[in-house]
Amino acid sequence: MVTIEFEFPVKRDAYKFRNELNNFFSGSFFEKENQIILSSIKKTNDKKRDVWSFKLIFCKDKDDVNIDEKYIKISGGTLDLMNGARQVWAFS
């Protein structure tokens, strides 16, 4: 199982990126084979600031729960830059 946790300092960015990921994987092989989980957004407090995060989990099948988990956390958000008509995302 591979878990990628995305965290954002701006609530709106967390919801917007989660929706984009949901649209990207909608109808894909991963969704049809129950190999992808997109968790709900949760709010936490990180060093005196609010952080909104959610997890994108790729698994072998629906029974692959916390077996040999690989985990990464990515922080991101939108920038005040535009690429054509699209806003630019930045991650670290």
N, C-alpha and C. Protein backbone atom coordinates (compact mmCIF):
# COMPACT_ATOMS: atom_id res chain seq x y z
N MET A 1 0.84 -1.17 0.00
CA MET A 1 0.00 0.00 0.00
C MET A 1 0.89 1.23 0.00
N VAL A 2 0.50 2.23 -0.78
CA VAL A 2 1.22 3.50 -0.84
C VAL A 2 0.26 4.60 -0.39
N THR A 3 0.68 5.37 0.60
CA THR A 3 -0.13 6.47 1.11
C THR A 3 0.58 7.79 0.86
N ILE A 4 -0.12 8.70 0.23
CA ILE A 4 0.39 10.06 0.01
C ILE A 4 -0.55 11.00 0.74
N GLU A 5 0.00 11.73 1.71
CA GLU A 5 -0.82 12.70 2.45
C GLU A 5 -0.50 14.10 1.93
N PHE A 6 -1.54 14.80 1.52
CA PHE A 6 -1.40 16.17 1.04
C PHE A 6 -1.88 17.09 2.15
N GLU A 7 -1.09 18.13 2.46
CA GLU A 7 -1.53 19.10 3.47
C GLU A 7 -1.40 20.51 2.90
N PHE A 8 -2.35 21.35 3.31
CA PHE A 8 -2.46 22.70 2.78
C PHE A 8 -2.71 23.69 3.91
N PRO A 9 -2.08 24.87 3.86
CA PRO A 9 -2.35 25.90 4.86
C PRO A 9 -3.64 26.67 4.58
N VAL A 10 -4.23 26.49 3.39
CA VAL A 10 -5.46 27.18 3.02
C VAL A 10 -6.55 26.13 2.76
N LYS A 11 -7.65 26.23 3.48
CA LYS A 11 -8.74 25.27 3.39
C LYS A 11 -9.26 25.12 1.96
N ARG A 12 -9.46 26.22 1.28
CA ARG A 12 -9.99 26.21 -0.09
C ARG A 12 -9.10 25.40 -1.02
N ASP A 13 -7.77 25.51 -0.86
CA ASP A 13 -6.84 24.77 -1.70
C ASP A 13 -6.95 23.26 -1.48
N ALA A 14 -7.14 22.85 -0.23
CA ALA A 14 -7.28 21.42 0.07
C ALA A 14 -8.51 20.84 -0.63
N TYR A 15 -9.63 21.52 -0.54
CA TYR A 15 -10.85 21.03 -1.18
C TYR A 15 -10.73 21.05 -2.71
N LYS A 16 -10.12 22.10 -3.24
CA LYS A 16 -9.98 22.21 -4.69
C LYS A 16 -9.08 21.10 -5.24
N PHE A 17 -7.93 20.84 -4.60
CA PHE A 17 -7.01 19.82 -5.10
C PHE A 17 -7.59 18.42 -4.92
N ARG A 18 -8.30 18.18 -3.81
CA ARG A 18 -8.94 16.87 -3.61
C ARG A 18 -9.96 16.62 -4.71
N ASN A 19 -10.74 17.63 -5.06
CA ASN A 19 -11.72 17.49 -6.14
C ASN A 19 -11.03 17.20 -7.48
N GLU A 20 -9.90 17.86 -7.73
CA GLU A 20 -9.16 17.61 -8.96
C GLU A 20 -8.63 16.17 -9.01
N LEU A 21 -8.11 15.67 -7.89
CA LEU A 21 -7.66 14.27 -7.84
C LEU A 21 -8.82 13.31 -8.05
N ASN A 22 -9.94 13.60 -7.43
CA ASN A 22 -11.12 12.75 -7.57
C ASN A 22 -11.56 12.69 -9.04
N ASN A 23 -11.58 13.83 -9.71
CA ASN A 23 -11.95 13.87 -11.12
C ASN A 23 -10.93 13.13 -11.98
N PHE A 24 -9.65 13.24 -11.64
CA PHE A 24 -8.59 12.59 -12.41
C PHE A 24 -8.72 11.07 -12.38
N PHE A 25 -9.01 10.51 -11.20
CA PHE A 25 -9.08 9.05 -11.04
C PHE A 25 -10.47 8.49 -11.28
N SER A 26 -11.47 9.34 -11.44
CA SER A 26 -12.84 8.88 -11.65
C SER A 26 -12.93 8.04 -12.93
N GLY A 27 -13.44 6.82 -12.77
CA GLY A 27 -13.60 5.91 -13.90
C GLY A 27 -12.34 5.19 -14.31
N SER A 28 -11.24 5.39 -13.60
CA SER A 28 -9.97 4.76 -13.96
C SER A 28 -9.93 3.30 -13.50
N PHE A 29 -8.90 2.59 -13.94
CA PHE A 29 -8.67 1.21 -13.54
C PHE A 29 -8.59 1.10 -12.01
N PHE A 30 -7.89 2.07 -11.38
CA PHE A 30 -7.73 2.04 -9.92
C PHE A 30 -9.08 2.07 -9.21
N GLU A 31 -9.97 2.91 -9.69
CA GLU A 31 -11.29 3.03 -9.07
C GLU A 31 -12.13 1.77 -9.31
N LYS A 32 -12.10 1.26 -10.53
CA LYS A 32 -12.89 0.09 -10.87
C LYS A 32 -12.45 -1.15 -10.10
N GLU A 33 -11.15 -1.26 -9.81
CA GLU A 33 -10.61 -2.42 -9.10
C GLU A 33 -10.50 -2.19 -7.59
N ASN A 34 -11.10 -1.13 -7.08
CA ASN A 34 -11.04 -0.78 -5.65
C ASN A 34 -9.61 -0.68 -5.14
N GLN A 35 -8.74 -0.07 -5.94
CA GLN A 35 -7.33 0.05 -5.57
C GLN A 35 -6.95 1.47 -5.17
N ILE A 36 -7.93 2.33 -4.99
CA ILE A 36 -7.66 3.71 -4.62
C ILE A 36 -8.64 4.17 -3.56
N ILE A 37 -8.11 4.91 -2.58
CA ILE A 37 -8.94 5.49 -1.52
C ILE A 37 -8.56 6.96 -1.42
N LEU A 38 -9.55 7.83 -1.40
CA LEU A 38 -9.34 9.26 -1.22
C LEU A 38 -10.07 9.64 0.06
N SER A 39 -9.31 9.92 1.13
CA SER A 39 -9.92 10.18 2.44
C SER A 39 -10.58 11.55 2.47
N SER A 40 -11.37 11.76 3.50
CA SER A 40 -11.99 13.08 3.68
C SER A 40 -10.93 14.05 4.21
N ILE A 41 -11.24 15.33 4.13
CA ILE A 41 -10.30 16.37 4.57
C ILE A 41 -10.46 16.56 6.07
N LYS A 42 -9.32 16.62 6.76
CA LYS A 42 -9.34 16.85 8.20
C LYS A 42 -8.51 18.09 8.53
N LYS A 43 -8.92 18.77 9.58
CA LYS A 43 -8.23 19.99 10.01
C LYS A 43 -7.39 19.65 11.24
N THR A 44 -6.11 20.04 11.21
CA THR A 44 -5.23 19.86 12.36
C THR A 44 -4.53 21.18 12.63
N ASN A 45 -3.86 21.26 13.77
CA ASN A 45 -3.12 22.45 14.13
C ASN A 45 -1.64 22.10 14.15
N ASP A 46 -0.85 22.75 13.30
CA ASP A 46 0.56 22.46 13.17
C ASP A 46 1.37 23.70 13.53
N LYS A 47 1.99 23.69 14.70
CA LYS A 47 2.85 24.80 15.13
C LYS A 47 2.12 26.15 15.07
N LYS A 48 0.99 26.22 15.72
CA LYS A 48 0.20 27.45 15.86
C LYS A 48 -0.47 27.91 14.57
N ARG A 49 -0.66 27.01 13.61
CA ARG A 49 -1.40 27.36 12.40
C ARG A 49 -2.27 26.18 12.01
N ASP A 50 -3.37 26.48 11.38
CA ASP A 50 -4.28 25.43 10.93
C ASP A 50 -3.77 24.82 9.63
N VAL A 51 -3.95 23.50 9.50
CA VAL A 51 -3.55 22.77 8.30
C VAL A 51 -4.69 21.83 7.93
N TRP A 52 -5.03 21.80 6.65
CA TRP A 52 -6.06 20.89 6.14
C TRP A 52 -5.36 19.82 5.32
N SER A 53 -5.71 18.55 5.57
CA SER A 53 -5.02 17.47 4.87
C SER A 53 -5.99 16.35 4.50
N PHE A 54 -5.57 15.56 3.52
CA PHE A 54 -6.28 14.35 3.13
C PHE A 54 -5.27 13.35 2.59
N LYS A 55 -5.67 12.10 2.49
CA LYS A 55 -4.77 11.04 2.03
C LYS A 55 -5.27 10.43 0.73
N LEU A 56 -4.33 10.14 -0.14
CA LEU A 56 -4.55 9.39 -1.36
C LEU A 56 -3.84 8.06 -1.17
N ILE A 57 -4.61 6.96 -1.18
CA ILE A 57 -4.05 5.65 -0.87
C ILE A 57 -4.23 4.72 -2.06
N PHE A 58 -3.12 4.14 -2.51
CA PHE A 58 -3.14 3.12 -3.55
C PHE A 58 -2.92 1.77 -2.87
N CYS A 59 -3.79 0.82 -3.14
CA CYS A 59 -3.66 -0.50 -2.51
C CYS A 59 -3.83 -1.61 -3.56
N LYS A 60 -3.38 -2.79 -3.19
CA LYS A 60 -3.46 -3.94 -4.09
C LYS A 60 -4.90 -4.31 -4.38
N ASP A 61 -5.71 -4.31 -3.34
CA ASP A 61 -7.15 -4.56 -3.46
C ASP A 61 -7.82 -4.03 -2.21
N LYS A 62 -9.13 -4.20 -2.09
CA LYS A 62 -9.86 -3.63 -0.96
C LYS A 62 -9.49 -4.26 0.38
N ASP A 63 -8.83 -5.42 0.38
CA ASP A 63 -8.42 -6.08 1.62
C ASP A 63 -7.00 -5.72 2.04
N ASP A 64 -6.29 -4.95 1.25
CA ASP A 64 -4.92 -4.54 1.54
C ASP A 64 -4.94 -3.36 2.50
N VAL A 65 -5.03 -3.65 3.80
CA VAL A 65 -5.15 -2.61 4.82
C VAL A 65 -3.88 -2.58 5.67
N ASN A 66 -3.14 -1.47 5.57
CA ASN A 66 -1.92 -1.24 6.36
C ASN A 66 -0.91 -2.38 6.27
N ILE A 67 -0.80 -3.00 5.11
CA ILE A 67 0.19 -4.05 4.91
C ILE A 67 1.34 -3.45 4.13
N ASP A 68 2.55 -3.48 4.71
CA ASP A 68 3.74 -2.97 4.05
C ASP A 68 3.50 -1.58 3.46
N GLU A 69 3.12 -0.65 4.33
CA GLU A 69 2.76 0.70 3.89
C GLU A 69 4.00 1.54 3.58
N LYS A 70 3.96 2.22 2.45
CA LYS A 70 4.94 3.24 2.08
C LYS A 70 4.22 4.57 2.21
N TYR A 71 4.85 5.55 2.87
CA TYR A 71 4.15 6.78 3.24
C TYR A 71 4.98 8.00 2.86
N ILE A 72 4.31 9.01 2.31
CA ILE A 72 4.96 10.29 2.02
C ILE A 72 3.97 11.42 2.31
N LYS A 73 4.48 12.54 2.82
CA LYS A 73 3.64 13.70 3.10
C LYS A 73 4.12 14.86 2.23
N ILE A 74 3.16 15.51 1.56
CA ILE A 74 3.47 16.60 0.64
C ILE A 74 2.67 17.83 1.05
N SER A 75 3.35 18.97 1.19
CA SER A 75 2.69 20.23 1.50
C SER A 75 2.56 21.03 0.22
N GLY A 76 1.43 21.72 0.07
CA GLY A 76 1.23 22.48 -1.16
C GLY A 76 0.18 23.54 -1.06
N GLY A 77 -0.04 24.18 -2.18
CA GLY A 77 -1.06 25.21 -2.29
C GLY A 77 -0.98 25.88 -3.63
N THR A 78 -1.93 26.76 -3.89
CA THR A 78 -1.91 27.50 -5.15
C THR A 78 -1.08 28.77 -4.98
N LEU A 79 -0.48 29.19 -6.07
CA LEU A 79 0.32 30.41 -6.07
C LEU A 79 -0.48 31.53 -6.77
N ASP A 80 -0.01 32.74 -6.61
CA ASP A 80 -0.65 33.87 -7.28
C ASP A 80 -0.11 34.03 -8.70
N LEU A 81 0.21 32.91 -9.34
CA LEU A 81 0.70 32.90 -10.72
C LEU A 81 -0.32 32.21 -11.60
N MET A 82 -0.38 32.60 -12.83
CA MET A 82 -1.30 31.98 -13.76
C MET A 82 -0.50 31.41 -14.94
N ASN A 83 -0.88 30.21 -15.37
CA ASN A 83 -0.32 29.60 -16.57
C ASN A 83 -1.46 29.55 -17.58
N GLY A 84 -1.52 30.55 -18.41
CA GLY A 84 -2.68 30.69 -19.29
C GLY A 84 -3.87 31.08 -18.44
N ALA A 85 -4.91 30.25 -18.45
CA ALA A 85 -6.10 30.51 -17.64
C ALA A 85 -6.11 29.67 -16.37
N ARG A 86 -5.04 28.91 -16.12
CA ARG A 86 -5.00 28.01 -14.96
C ARG A 86 -4.08 28.53 -13.89
N GLN A 87 -4.49 28.38 -12.63
CA GLN A 87 -3.66 28.79 -11.51
C GLN A 87 -2.58 27.74 -11.29
N VAL A 88 -1.40 28.16 -10.85
CA VAL A 88 -0.26 27.28 -10.66
C VAL A 88 -0.27 26.69 -9.26
N TRP A 89 -0.04 25.35 -9.16
CA TRP A 89 0.09 24.67 -7.87
C TRP A 89 1.57 24.53 -7.53
N ALA A 90 1.90 24.59 -6.24
CA ALA A 90 3.28 24.37 -5.79
C ALA A 90 3.26 23.36 -4.65
N PHE A 91 4.22 22.43 -4.67
CA PHE A 91 4.32 21.40 -3.62
C PHE A 91 5.75 21.28 -3.15
N SER A 92 5.91 20.90 -1.89
CA SER A 92 7.24 20.65 -1.34
C SER A 92 7.23 19.41 -0.49
